[in-house]
PDB file of N, CA and C in Angstrom:
ATOM      1  N   UNK A   1      -5.864  -0.826  13.008  1.00  0.00           N
ATOM      2  CA  UNK A   1      -5.323   0.137  13.677  1.00  0.00           C
ATOM      3  C   UNK A   1      -5.828   1.503  14.147  1.00  0.00           C
ATOM      4  N   UNK A   2      -6.006   1.777  15.481  1.00  0.00           N
ATOM      5  CA  UNK A   2      -6.629   2.907  15.865  1.00  0.00           C
ATOM      6  C   UNK A   2      -5.670   4.269  16.166  1.00  0.00           C
ATOM      7  N   UNK A   3      -6.222   4.982  15.528  1.00  0.00           N
ATOM      8  CA  UNK A   3      -5.222   6.416  15.712  1.00  0.00           C
ATOM      9  C   UNK A   3      -6.226   7.691  16.071  1.00  0.00           C
ATOM     10  N   UNK A   4      -5.394   8.517  16.668  1.00  0.00           N
ATOM     11  CA  UNK A   4      -5.984   9.894  17.028  1.00  0.00           C
ATOM     12  C   UNK A   4      -5.959  10.841  15.965  1.00  0.00           C
ATOM     13  N   UNK A   5      -6.820  11.580  15.382  1.00  0.00           N
ATOM     14  CA  UNK A   5      -6.702  12.499  14.326  1.00  0.00           C
ATOM     15  C   UNK A   5      -7.257  13.876  14.971  1.00  0.00           C
ATOM     16  N   UNK A   6      -7.035  15.148  14.558  1.00  0.00           N
ATOM     17  CA  UNK A   6      -7.473  16.064  14.813  1.00  0.00           C
ATOM     18  C   UNK A   6      -9.089  16.048  14.754  1.00  0.00           C
ATOM     19  N   UNK A   7      -9.876  15.555  14.365  1.00  0.00           N
ATOM     20  CA  UNK A   7     -11.298  15.302  14.688  1.00  0.00           C
ATOM     21  C   UNK A   7     -11.775  14.117  15.682  1.00  0.00           C
ATOM     22  N   UNK A   8     -10.433  13.196  16.290  1.00  0.00           N
ATOM     23  CA  UNK A   8     -11.180  12.414  17.095  1.00  0.00           C
ATOM     24  C   UNK A   8     -10.693  11.316  17.019  1.00  0.00           C
ATOM     25  N   UNK A   9     -11.072   9.742  17.364  1.00  0.00           N
ATOM     26  CA  UNK A   9     -10.193   8.680  17.216  1.00  0.00           C
ATOM     27  C   UNK A   9     -10.782   7.920  16.146  1.00  0.00           C
ATOM     28  N   UNK A  10     -10.095   7.167  15.459  1.00  0.00           N
ATOM     29  CA  UNK A  10     -10.608   6.281  14.370  1.00  0.00           C
ATOM     30  C   UNK A  10      -9.951   5.185  14.023  1.00  0.00           C
ATOM     31  N   UNK A  11     -10.682   3.905  13.946  1.00  0.00           N
ATOM     32  CA  UNK A  11     -10.127   2.740  13.406  1.00  0.00           C
ATOM     33  C   UNK A  11     -10.258   2.551  11.918  1.00  0.00           C
ATOM     34  N   UNK A  12      -8.944   1.937  11.471  1.00  0.00           N
ATOM     35  CA  UNK A  12      -8.417   1.965  10.056  1.00  0.00           C
ATOM     36  C   UNK A  12      -8.125   0.328  10.025  1.00  0.00           C
ATOM     37  N   UNK A  13      -8.549  -0.081   9.059  1.00  0.00           N
ATOM     38  CA  UNK A  13      -7.898  -1.497   8.541  1.00  0.00           C
ATOM     39  C   UNK A  13      -7.459  -1.349   7.001  1.00  0.00           C
ATOM     40  N   UNK A  14      -6.190  -2.203   6.594  1.00  0.00           N
ATOM     41  CA  UNK A  14      -6.036  -2.151   5.444  1.00  0.00           C
ATOM     42  C   UNK A  14      -6.055  -3.472   4.961  1.00  0.00           C
ATOM     43  N   UNK A  15      -6.216  -3.893   3.697  1.00  0.00           N
ATOM     44  CA  UNK A  15      -6.147  -5.148   2.866  1.00  0.00           C
ATOM     45  C   UNK A  15      -7.050  -6.132   3.374  1.00  0.00           C
ATOM     46  N   UNK A  16      -7.292  -6.939   2.874  1.00  0.00           N
ATOM     47  CA  UNK A  16      -6.075  -7.677   1.898  1.00  0.00           C
ATOM     48  C   UNK A  16      -6.116  -7.260   0.585  1.00  0.00           C
ATOM     49  N   UNK A  17      -4.908  -7.257  -0.196  1.00  0.00           N
ATOM     50  CA  UNK A  17      -4.879  -6.877  -1.503  1.00  0.00           C
ATOM     51  C   UNK A  17      -5.332  -7.644  -2.422  1.00  0.00           C
ATOM     52  N   UNK A  18      -6.247  -6.837  -3.407  1.00  0.00           N
ATOM     53  CA  UNK A  18      -7.015  -7.951  -4.665  1.00  0.00           C
ATOM     54  C   UNK A  18      -6.747  -7.128  -5.681  1.00  0.00           C
ATOM     55  N   UNK A  19      -7.139  -7.695  -6.720  1.00  0.00           N
ATOM     56  CA  UNK A  19      -6.910  -7.599  -8.222  1.00  0.00           C
ATOM     57  C   UNK A  19      -5.165  -7.730  -8.368  1.00  0.00           C
ATOM     58  N   UNK A  20      -4.913  -8.475  -7.875  1.00  0.00           N
ATOM     59  CA  UNK A  20      -3.119  -8.621  -7.966  1.00  0.00           C
ATOM     60  C   UNK A  20      -2.862  -9.237  -9.544  1.00  0.00           C
ATOM     61  N   UNK A  21      -1.862  -8.176 -10.119  1.00  0.00           N
ATOM     62  CA  UNK A  21      -1.464  -8.677 -11.511  1.00  0.00           C
ATOM     63  C   UNK A  21      -0.027  -8.184 -11.014  1.00  0.00           C
ATOM     64  N   UNK A  22       1.055  -9.212 -12.086  1.00  0.00           N
ATOM     65  CA  UNK A  22       2.517  -8.914 -11.778  1.00  0.00           C
ATOM     66  C   UNK A  22       3.027  -9.045 -13.344  1.00  0.00           C
ATOM     67  N   UNK A  23       4.284  -8.686 -13.266  1.00  0.00           N
ATOM     68  CA  UNK A  23       5.117  -8.837 -14.858  1.00  0.00           C
ATOM     69  C   UNK A  23       6.186  -8.978 -14.300  1.00  0.00           C
ATOM     70  N   UNK A  24       7.290  -9.425 -15.382  1.00  0.00           N
ATOM     71  CA  UNK A  24       8.725  -9.826 -15.356  1.00  0.00           C
ATOM     72  C   UNK A  24       9.201  -8.875 -16.533  1.00  0.00           C
ATOM     73  N   UNK A  25       9.945  -8.030 -16.326  1.00  0.00           N
ATOM     74  CA  UNK A  25      10.464  -7.243 -17.931  1.00  0.00           C
ATOM     75  C   UNK A  25      11.691  -7.393 -17.995  1.00  0.00           C
ATOM     76  N   UNK A  26      12.538  -7.238 -18.792  1.00  0.00           N
ATOM     77  CA  UNK A  26      13.712  -7.197 -18.831  1.00  0.00           C
ATOM     78  C   UNK A  26      13.943  -5.756 -19.268  1.00  0.00           C
ATOM     79  N   UNK A  27      15.518  -5.269 -18.920  1.00  0.00           N
ATOM     80  CA  UNK A  27      15.934  -4.044 -18.901  1.00  0.00           C
ATOM     81  C   UNK A  27      17.307  -3.828 -19.731  1.00  0.00           C
ATOM     82  N   UNK A  28      17.992  -2.522 -19.984  1.00  0.00           N
ATOM     83  CA  UNK A  28      18.827  -2.403 -20.551  1.00  0.00           C
ATOM     84  C   UNK A  28      20.246  -2.536 -19.759  1.00  0.00           C
ATOM     85  N   UNK A  29      20.012  -2.783 -18.252  1.00  0.00           N
ATOM     86  CA  UNK A  29      20.760  -2.323 -17.005  1.00  0.00           C
ATOM     87  C   UNK A  29      21.880  -3.774 -17.059  1.00  0.00           C
ATOM     88  N   UNK A  30      23.055  -3.809 -16.959  1.00  0.00           N
ATOM     89  CA  UNK A  30      23.871  -4.901 -16.659  1.00  0.00           C
ATOM     90  C   UNK A  30      23.617  -5.431 -15.275  1.00  0.00           C
ATOM     91  N   UNK A  31      23.527  -4.421 -14.629  1.00  0.00           N
ATOM     92  CA  UNK A  31      23.437  -4.579 -12.843  1.00  0.00           C
ATOM     93  C   UNK A  31      22.314  -5.129 -12.192  1.00  0.00           C
ATOM     94  N   UNK A  32      20.910  -4.567 -12.948  1.00  0.00           N
ATOM     95  CA  UNK A  32      19.800  -4.681 -12.903  1.00  0.00           C
ATOM     96  C   UNK A  32      19.160  -5.255 -13.812  1.00  0.00           C
ATOM     97  N   UNK A  33      19.083  -6.571 -14.381  1.00  0.00           N
ATOM     98  CA  UNK A  33      18.794  -6.905 -15.723  1.00  0.00           C
ATOM     99  C   UNK A  33      17.108  -7.326 -15.954  1.00  0.00           C
ATOM    100  N   UNK A  34      16.390  -7.261 -14.714  1.00  0.00           N
ATOM    101  CA  UNK A  34      14.853  -7.465 -14.677  1.00  0.00           C
ATOM    102  C   UNK A  34      14.413  -6.420 -13.899  1.00  0.00           C
ATOM    103  N   UNK A  35      12.939  -6.208 -14.217  1.00  0.00           N
ATOM    104  CA  UNK A  35      12.046  -5.581 -13.302  1.00  0.00           C
ATOM    105  C   UNK A  35      11.039  -6.292 -13.510  1.00  0.00           C
ATOM    106  N   UNK A  36      10.839  -6.528 -11.895  1.00  0.00           N
ATOM    107  CA  UNK A  36       9.067  -6.914 -11.422  1.00  0.00           C
ATOM    108  C   UNK A  36       8.217  -5.967 -11.304  1.00  0.00           C
ATOM    109  N   UNK A  37       6.994  -6.058 -11.863  1.00  0.00           N
ATOM    110  CA  UNK A  37       5.996  -4.917 -11.322  1.00  0.00           C
ATOM    111  C   UNK A  37       4.772  -5.946 -11.028  1.00  0.00           C
ATOM    112  N   UNK A  38       4.326  -5.341  -9.751  1.00  0.00           N
ATOM    113  CA  UNK A  38       2.982  -5.791  -9.261  1.00  0.00           C
ATOM    114  C   UNK A  38       2.137  -4.551  -9.126  1.00  0.00           C
ATOM    115  N   UNK A  39       1.175  -5.050  -9.639  1.00  0.00           N
ATOM    116  CA  UNK A  39      -0.140  -3.892  -9.482  1.00  0.00           C
ATOM    117  C   UNK A  39      -1.296  -4.375  -8.520  1.00  0.00           C
ATOM    118  N   UNK A  40      -1.812  -3.630  -7.908  1.00  0.00           N
ATOM    119  CA  UNK A  40      -2.938  -4.354  -6.716  1.00  0.00           C
ATOM    120  C   UNK A  40      -3.812  -2.977  -6.523  1.00  0.00           C
ATOM    121  N   UNK A  41      -4.611  -3.470  -6.356  1.00  0.00           N
ATOM    122  CA  UNK A  41      -5.839  -2.583  -5.192  1.00  0.00           C
ATOM    123  C   UNK A  41      -5.851  -3.112  -3.640  1.00  0.00           C
ATOM    124  N   UNK A  42      -5.673  -1.835  -2.948  1.00  0.00           N
ATOM    125  CA  UNK A  42      -5.784  -2.046  -1.500  1.00  0.00           C
ATOM    126  C   UNK A  42      -6.947  -1.399  -0.979  1.00  0.00           C
ATOM    127  N   UNK A  43      -8.055  -2.084  -0.685  1.00  0.00           N
ATOM    128  CA  UNK A  43      -9.186  -1.754   0.320  1.00  0.00           C
ATOM    129  C   UNK A  43      -8.762  -1.227   1.870  1.00  0.00           C
ATOM    130  N   UNK A  44      -9.106   0.017   2.048  1.00  0.00           N
ATOM    131  CA  UNK A  44      -8.896   0.577   3.231  1.00  0.00           C
ATOM    132  C   UNK A  44     -10.181   1.257   4.000  1.00  0.00           C
ATOM    133  N   UNK A  45     -10.385   0.386   4.806  1.00  0.00           N
ATOM    134  CA  UNK A  45     -12.090   0.730   5.639  1.00  0.00           C
ATOM    135  C   UNK A  45     -11.548   1.464   6.888  1.00  0.00           C
ATOM    136  N   UNK A  46     -12.540   2.553   7.185  1.00  0.00           N
ATOM    137  CA  UNK A  46     -12.374   3.569   7.960  1.00  0.00           C
ATOM    138  C   UNK A  46     -13.810   3.701   8.783  1.00  0.00           C
ATOM    139  N   UNK A  47     -13.838   3.652  10.347  1.00  0.00           N
ATOM    140  CA  UNK A  47     -14.994   4.278  10.947  1.00  0.00           C
ATOM    141  C   UNK A  47     -15.000   5.682  11.017  1.00  0.00           C
ATOM    142  N   UNK A  48     -16.248   5.990  11.843  1.00  0.00           N
ATOM    143  CA  UNK A  48     -16.456   7.508  11.899  1.00  0.00           C
ATOM    144  C   UNK A  48     -15.340   7.910  13.210  1.00  0.00           C
ATOM    145  N   UNK A  49     -15.218   9.335  13.421  1.00  0.00           N
ATOM    146  CA  UNK A  49     -14.538   9.957  14.237  1.00  0.00           C
ATOM    147  C   UNK A  49     -15.122   9.467  15.565  1.00  0.00           C
ATOM    148  N   UNK A  50     -14.376   8.880  16.722  1.00  0.00           N
ATOM    149  CA  UNK A  50     -15.081   8.909  18.277  1.00  0.00           C
ATOM    150  C   UNK A  50     -14.243   9.786  19.432  1.00  0.00           C
ATOM    151  N   UNK A  51     -14.804  10.178  20.476  1.00  0.00           N
ATOM    152  CA  UNK A  51     -13.952  11.120  21.080  1.00  0.00           C
ATOM    153  C   UNK A  51     -13.540  10.155  21.915  1.00  0.00           C
ATOM    154  N   UNK A  52     -13.556   9.080  21.982  1.00  0.00           N
ATOM    155  CA  UNK A  52     -12.900   8.116  23.093  1.00  0.00           C
ATOM    156  C   UNK A  52     -12.261   7.041  22.082  1.00  0.00           C
ATOM    157  N   UNK A  53     -10.976   6.811  22.925  1.00  0.00           N
ATOM    158  CA  UNK A  53     -10.011   5.632  21.755  1.00  0.00           C
ATOM    159  C   UNK A  53     -10.901   4.407  22.226  1.00  0.00           C
ATOM    160  N   UNK A  54     -11.127   4.003  23.053  1.00  0.00           N
ATOM    161  CA  UNK A  54     -12.099   2.746  23.390  1.00  0.00           C
ATOM    162  C   UNK A  54     -13.202   2.495  22.410  1.00  0.00           C
ATOM    163  N   UNK A  55     -13.632   3.089  22.404  1.00  0.00           N
ATOM    164  CA  UNK A  55     -15.415   3.547  21.314  1.00  0.00           C
ATOM    165  C   UNK A  55     -14.788   3.149  19.830  1.00  0.00           C
ATOM    166  N   UNK A  56     -13.659   3.648  19.725  1.00  0.00           N
ATOM    167  CA  UNK A  56     -13.048   3.199  18.083  1.00  0.00           C
ATOM    168  C   UNK A  56     -12.564   2.253  18.322  1.00  0.00           C
ATOM    169  N   UNK A  57     -12.052   1.588  19.096  1.00  0.00           N
ATOM    170  CA  UNK A  57     -11.504   0.143  19.255  1.00  0.00           C
ATOM    171  C   UNK A  57     -12.767  -0.722  19.086  1.00  0.00           C
ATOM    172  N   UNK A  58     -13.851  -0.271  19.730  1.00  0.00           N
ATOM    173  CA  UNK A  58     -15.028  -1.220  19.715  1.00  0.00           C
ATOM    174  C   UNK A  58     -15.892  -1.003  18.871  1.00  0.00           C
ATOM    175  N   UNK A  59     -15.470  -0.474  17.727  1.00  0.00           N
ATOM    176  CA  UNK A  59     -16.598  -0.166  16.793  1.00  0.00           C
ATOM    177  C   UNK A  59     -16.587  -1.376  15.930  1.00  0.00           C
ATOM    178  N   UNK A  60     -18.060  -1.733  15.439  1.00  0.00           N
ATOM    179  CA  UNK A  60     -18.414  -3.113  14.847  1.00  0.00           C
ATOM    180  C   UNK A  60     -17.811  -2.989  13.313  1.00  0.00           C
ATOM    181  N   UNK A  61     -18.155  -1.918  12.873  1.00  0.00           N
ATOM    182  CA  UNK A  61     -17.920  -2.385  11.118  1.00  0.00           C
ATOM    183  C   UNK A  61     -17.259  -0.840  10.840  1.00  0.00           C
ATOM    184  N   UNK A  62     -17.019  -0.669   9.797  1.00  0.00           N
ATOM    185  CA  UNK A  62     -16.278   0.509   8.932  1.00  0.00           C
ATOM    186  C   UNK A  62     -17.583   1.496   8.473  1.00  0.00           C
ATOM    187  N   UNK A  63     -17.654   2.288   8.714  1.00  0.00           N
ATOM    188  CA  UNK A  63     -18.301   3.282   8.106  1.00  0.00           C
ATOM    189  C   UNK A  63     -18.205   3.734   6.253  1.00  0.00           C
ATOM    190  N   UNK A  64     -16.628   3.876   6.224  1.00  0.00           N
ATOM    191  CA  UNK A  64     -16.165   4.212   4.775  1.00  0.00           C
ATOM    192  C   UNK A  64     -15.087   3.017   3.924  1.00  0.00           C
ATOM    193  N   UNK A  65     -15.251   2.890   3.004  1.00  0.00           N
ATOM    194  CA  UNK A  65     -14.242   1.591   2.552  1.00  0.00           C
ATOM    195  C   UNK A  65     -13.758   2.304   1.032  1.00  0.00           C
ATOM    196  N   UNK A  66     -12.393   2.721   0.804  1.00  0.00           N
ATOM    197  CA  UNK A  66     -11.702   3.089  -0.490  1.00  0.00           C
ATOM    198  C   UNK A  66     -10.989   1.960  -0.828  1.00  0.00           C
ATOM    199  N   UNK A  67     -11.236   2.053  -1.975  1.00  0.00           N
ATOM    200  CA  UNK A  67      -9.946   1.244  -2.596  1.00  0.00           C
ATOM    201  C   UNK A  67      -8.915   1.897  -3.723  1.00  0.00           C
ATOM    202  N   UNK A  68      -7.660   2.049  -3.002  1.00  0.00           N
ATOM    203  CA  UNK A  68      -6.591   2.553  -3.709  1.00  0.00           C
ATOM    204  C   UNK A  68      -5.731   1.331  -4.651  1.00  0.00           C
ATOM    205  N   UNK A  69      -5.502   1.855  -5.963  1.00  0.00           N
ATOM    206  CA  UNK A  69      -4.335   1.148  -6.593  1.00  0.00           C
ATOM    207  C   UNK A  69      -3.282   1.541  -6.558  1.00  0.00           C
ATOM    208  N   UNK A  70      -2.182   0.563  -6.337  1.00  0.00           N
ATOM    209  CA  UNK A  70      -1.059   0.501  -6.270  1.00  0.00           C
ATOM    210  C   UNK A  70      -0.254  -0.177  -7.165  1.00  0.00           C
ATOM    211  N   UNK A  71       1.180   0.169  -7.298  1.00  0.00           N
ATOM    212  CA  UNK A  71       1.973  -0.564  -8.216  1.00  0.00           C
ATOM    213  C   UNK A  71       3.618  -0.448  -7.352  1.00  0.00           C
ATOM    214  N   UNK A  72       3.851  -1.664  -7.224  1.00  0.00           N
ATOM    215  CA  UNK A  72       4.905  -1.795  -6.699  1.00  0.00           C
ATOM    216  C   UNK A  72       6.300  -2.391  -7.688  1.00  0.00           C
ATOM    217  N   UNK A  73       7.347  -1.506  -7.637  1.00  0.00           N
ATOM    218  CA  UNK A  73       8.327  -1.786  -8.785  1.00  0.00           C
ATOM    219  C   UNK A  73       9.915  -2.286  -8.405  1.00  0.00           C
ATOM    220  N   UNK A  74      10.422  -3.846  -8.411  1.00  0.00           N
ATOM    221  CA  UNK A  74      11.579  -4.056  -8.163  1.00  0.00           C
ATOM    222  C   UNK A  74      12.486  -4.289  -9.036  1.00  0.00           C
ATOM    223  N   UNK A  75      13.809  -4.132  -8.666  1.00  0.00           N
ATOM    224  CA  UNK A  75      14.912  -4.266  -9.662  1.00  0.00           C
ATOM    225  C   UNK A  75      15.701  -5.388  -9.349  1.00  0.00           C
ATOM    226  N   UNK A  76      15.833  -6.505 -10.201  1.00  0.00           N
ATOM    227  CA  UNK A  76      16.311  -7.729  -9.738  1.00  0.00           C
ATOM    228  C   UNK A  76      17.642  -8.024 -10.730  1.00  0.00           C
ATOM    229  N   UNK A  77      18.675  -8.544  -9.990  1.00  0.00           N
ATOM    230  CA  UNK A  77      19.853  -9.020 -10.494  1.00  0.00           C
ATOM    231  C   UNK A  77      20.875  -9.979  -9.768  1.00  0.00           C
ATOM    232  N   UNK A  78      21.885  -9.475  -9.918  1.00  0.00           N
ATOM    233  CA  UNK A  78      23.315 -10.401  -9.283  1.00  0.00           C
ATOM    234  C   UNK A  78      23.162 -10.274  -7.722  1.00  0.00           C
ATOM    235  N   UNK A  79      22.897  -8.600  -7.323  1.00  0.00           N
ATOM    236  CA  UNK A  79      23.013  -8.137  -6.197  1.00  0.00           C
ATOM    237  C   UNK A  79      21.817  -8.369  -5.413  1.00  0.00           C
ATOM    238  N   UNK A  80      20.765  -9.086  -6.055  1.00  0.00           N
ATOM    239  CA  UNK A  80      19.581  -9.567  -5.410  1.00  0.00           C
ATOM    240  C   UNK A  80      18.358  -8.509  -5.789  1.00  0.00           C
ATOM    241  N   UNK A  81      17.414  -8.439  -4.692  1.00  0.00           N
ATOM    242  CA  UNK A  81      16.076  -7.612  -5.058  1.00  0.00           C
ATOM    243  C   UNK A  81      16.018  -5.920  -4.206  1.00  0.00           C
ATOM    244  N   UNK A  82      15.718  -5.314  -5.099  1.00  0.00           N
ATOM    245  CA  UNK A  82      15.621  -4.051  -4.540  1.00  0.00           C
ATOM    246  C   UNK A  82      14.079  -3.516  -5.087  1.00  0.00           C
ATOM    247  N   UNK A  83      14.021  -2.267  -4.248  1.00  0.00           N
ATOM    248  CA  UNK A  83      12.607  -1.548  -4.434  1.00  0.00           C
ATOM    249  C   UNK A  83      13.168  -0.476  -5.382  1.00  0.00           C
ATOM    250  N   UNK A  84      12.648  -0.228  -6.726  1.00  0.00           N
ATOM    251  CA  UNK A  84      12.789   0.838  -7.153  1.00  0.00           C
ATOM    252  C   UNK A  84      11.664   1.710  -7.516  1.00  0.00           C
ATOM    253  N   UNK A  85      10.579   1.302  -6.947  1.00  0.00           N
ATOM    254  CA  UNK A  85       9.373   2.671  -7.306  1.00  0.00           C
ATOM    255  C   UNK A  85       8.052   1.801  -6.476  1.00  0.00           C
ATOM    256  N   UNK A  86       7.693   2.788  -5.433  1.00  0.00           N
ATOM    257  CA  UNK A  86       6.369   2.679  -4.902  1.00  0.00           C
ATOM    258  C   UNK A  86       5.196   3.500  -5.448  1.00  0.00           C
ATOM    259  N   UNK A  87       4.076   3.515  -6.022  1.00  0.00           N
ATOM    260  CA  UNK A  87       3.436   4.525  -6.878  1.00  0.00           C
ATOM    261  C   UNK A  87       2.084   3.998  -6.472  1.00  0.00           C
ATOM    262  N   UNK A  88       1.154   5.237  -6.750  1.00  0.00           N
ATOM    263  CA  UNK A  88      -0.566   4.914  -6.492  1.00  0.00           C
ATOM    264  C   UNK A  88      -0.620   5.915  -7.248  1.00  0.00           C
ATOM    265  N   UNK A  89      -2.050   5.278  -8.197  1.00  0.00           N
ATOM    266  CA  UNK A  89      -2.308   5.909  -9.194  1.00  0.00           C
ATOM    267  C   UNK A  89      -3.618   7.039  -8.864  1.00  0.00           C
ATOM    268  N   UNK A  90      -3.470   8.231  -9.181  1.00  0.00           N
ATOM    269  CA  UNK A  90      -4.541   9.180  -8.935  1.00  0.00           C
ATOM    270  C   UNK A  90      -5.953   9.427  -9.788  1.00  0.00           C
ATOM    271  N   UNK A  91      -6.460  10.460  -9.436  1.00  0.00           N
ATOM    272  CA  UNK A  91      -7.836  10.046  -9.863  1.00  0.00           C
ATOM    273  C   UNK A  91      -7.794  10.352 -11.528  1.00  0.00           C
ATOM    274  N   UNK A  92      -6.424  10.866 -11.696  1.00  0.00           N
ATOM    275  CA  UNK A  92      -6.350  11.561 -13.301  1.00  0.00           C
ATOM    276  C   UNK A  92      -5.845   9.903 -14.344  1.00  0.00           C
ATOM    277  N   UNK A  93      -5.505   9.201 -13.453  1.00  0.00           N
ATOM    278  CA  UNK A  93      -4.990   7.987 -13.648  1.00  0.00           C
ATOM    279  C   UNK A  93      -3.282   7.770 -13.799  1.00  0.00           C
ATOM    280  N   UNK A  94      -3.098   8.838 -13.509  1.00  0.00           N
ATOM    281  CA  UNK A  94      -1.165   8.688 -13.464  1.00  0.00           C
ATOM    282  C   UNK A  94      -0.863   8.281 -12.447  1.00  0.00           C
ATOM    283  N   UNK A  95       0.175   7.825 -12.325  1.00  0.00           N
ATOM    284  CA  UNK A  95       0.834   7.173 -11.321  1.00  0.00           C
ATOM    285  C   UNK A  95       1.892   7.951 -10.583  1.00  0.00           C
ATOM    286  N   UNK A  96       1.966   8.210  -9.404  1.00  0.00           N
ATOM    287  CA  UNK A  96       2.893   9.043  -8.545  1.00  0.00           C
ATOM    288  C   UNK A  96       3.599   8.243  -7.410  1.00  0.00           C
ATOM    289  N   UNK A  97       4.655   8.816  -7.145  1.00  0.00           N
ATOM    290  CA  UNK A  97       5.300   8.307  -5.848  1.00  0.00           C
ATOM    291  C   UNK A  97       4.439   8.439  -4.464  1.00  0.00           C
ATOM    292  N   UNK A  98       4.391   7.464  -3.616  1.00  0.00           N
ATOM    293  CA  UNK A  98       3.437   7.296  -2.509  1.00  0.00           C
ATOM    294  C   UNK A  98       3.987   7.037  -1.433  1.00  0.00           C
ATOM    295  N   UNK A  99       2.975   7.529  -0.312  1.00  0.00           N
ATOM    296  CA  UNK A  99       3.843   7.051   1.034  1.00  0.00           C
ATOM    297  C   UNK A  99       3.654   5.811   1.177  1.00  0.00           C
ATOM    298  N   UNK A 100       4.808   5.584   2.441  1.00  0.00           N
ATOM    299  CA  UNK A 100       5.059   4.271   2.490  1.00  0.00           C
ATOM    300  C   UNK A 100       4.954   3.769   3.846  1.00  0.00           C
ATOM    301  N   UNK A 101       4.627   2.867   4.399  1.00  0.00           N
ATOM    302  CA  UNK A 101       4.471   2.275   5.864  1.00  0.00           C
ATOM    303  C   UNK A 101       5.082   1.606   6.266  1.00  0.00           C
ATOM    304  N   UNK A 102       6.002   1.787   7.357  1.00  0.00           N
ATOM    305  CA  UNK A 102       7.058   1.063   7.807  1.00  0.00           C
ATOM    306  C   UNK A 102       6.658  -0.453   8.317  1.00  0.00           C
ATOM    307  N   UNK A 103       5.288  -0.579   8.440  1.00  0.00           N
ATOM    308  CA  UNK A 103       4.895  -2.016   9.203  1.00  0.00           C
ATOM    309  C   UNK A 103       4.178  -2.763   8.009  1.00  0.00           C
ATOM    310  N   UNK A 104       4.239  -2.275   7.014  1.00  0.00           N
ATOM    311  CA  UNK A 104       3.481  -2.941   5.966  1.00  0.00           C
ATOM    312  C   UNK A 104       3.893  -3.978   4.997  1.00  0.00           C
ATOM    313  N   UNK A 105       3.619  -4.982   4.802  1.00  0.00           N
ATOM    314  CA  UNK A 105       4.320  -6.268   4.526  1.00  0.00           C
ATOM    315  C   UNK A 105       4.355  -5.756   2.779  1.00  0.00           C
ATOM    316  N   UNK A 106       3.635  -4.900   2.117  1.00  0.00           N
ATOM    317  CA  UNK A 106       3.773  -4.635   0.805  1.00  0.00           C
ATOM    318  C   UNK A 106       4.945  -3.477   0.257  1.00  0.00           C
ATOM    319  N   UNK A 107       5.301  -2.801   1.538  1.00  0.00           N
ATOM    320  CA  UNK A 107       6.214  -1.871   1.518  1.00  0.00           C
ATOM    321  C   UNK A 107       7.593  -2.215   1.779  1.00  0.00           C
ATOM    322  N   UNK A 108       7.798  -3.306   1.939  1.00  0.00           N
ATOM    323  CA  UNK A 108       8.990  -4.053   2.445  1.00  0.00           C
ATOM    324  C   UNK A 108       9.280  -5.265   2.013  1.00  0.00           C
ATOM    325  N   UNK A 109      10.784  -5.601   1.628  1.00  0.00           N
ATOM    326  CA  UNK A 109      11.371  -6.601   1.350  1.00  0.00           C
ATOM    327  C   UNK A 109      11.670  -7.420   2.612  1.00  0.00           C
ATOM    328  N   UNK A 110      11.573  -8.951   2.563  1.00  0.00           N
ATOM    329  CA  UNK A 110      11.940  -9.813   3.160  1.00  0.00           C
ATOM    330  C   UNK A 110      13.378  -9.598   3.746  1.00  0.00           C
ATOM    331  N   UNK A 111      14.160 -10.048   5.124  1.00  0.00           N
ATOM    332  CA  UNK A 111      15.461  -9.980   5.291  1.00  0.00           C
ATOM    333  C   UNK A 111      16.124 -11.409   4.979  1.00  0.00           C
TER     334      UNK A 111
END
């Protein structure tokens, strides 16, 4: 993805997820008796900023790679599957609600 920021044009790529771990837990809920928890690391690569969009699109490699830890929580019951939490691990190790991307497969359920 190439996007314009205040400082210029930048090419960003996300994924693929690594270090994927999952678990299925039982809950006390009658409607949602199970919780599925998936944790993963998502590498995000970025180029330096460019003055022109075309230059960012043609950038051969990323200048910076960060690896963010995410946790997706889902409830499972007779009504199907629903997202109950989308979290990111902060530098202090605590999990906090995170931003979501409408076009990211890891932030959406299949129809």
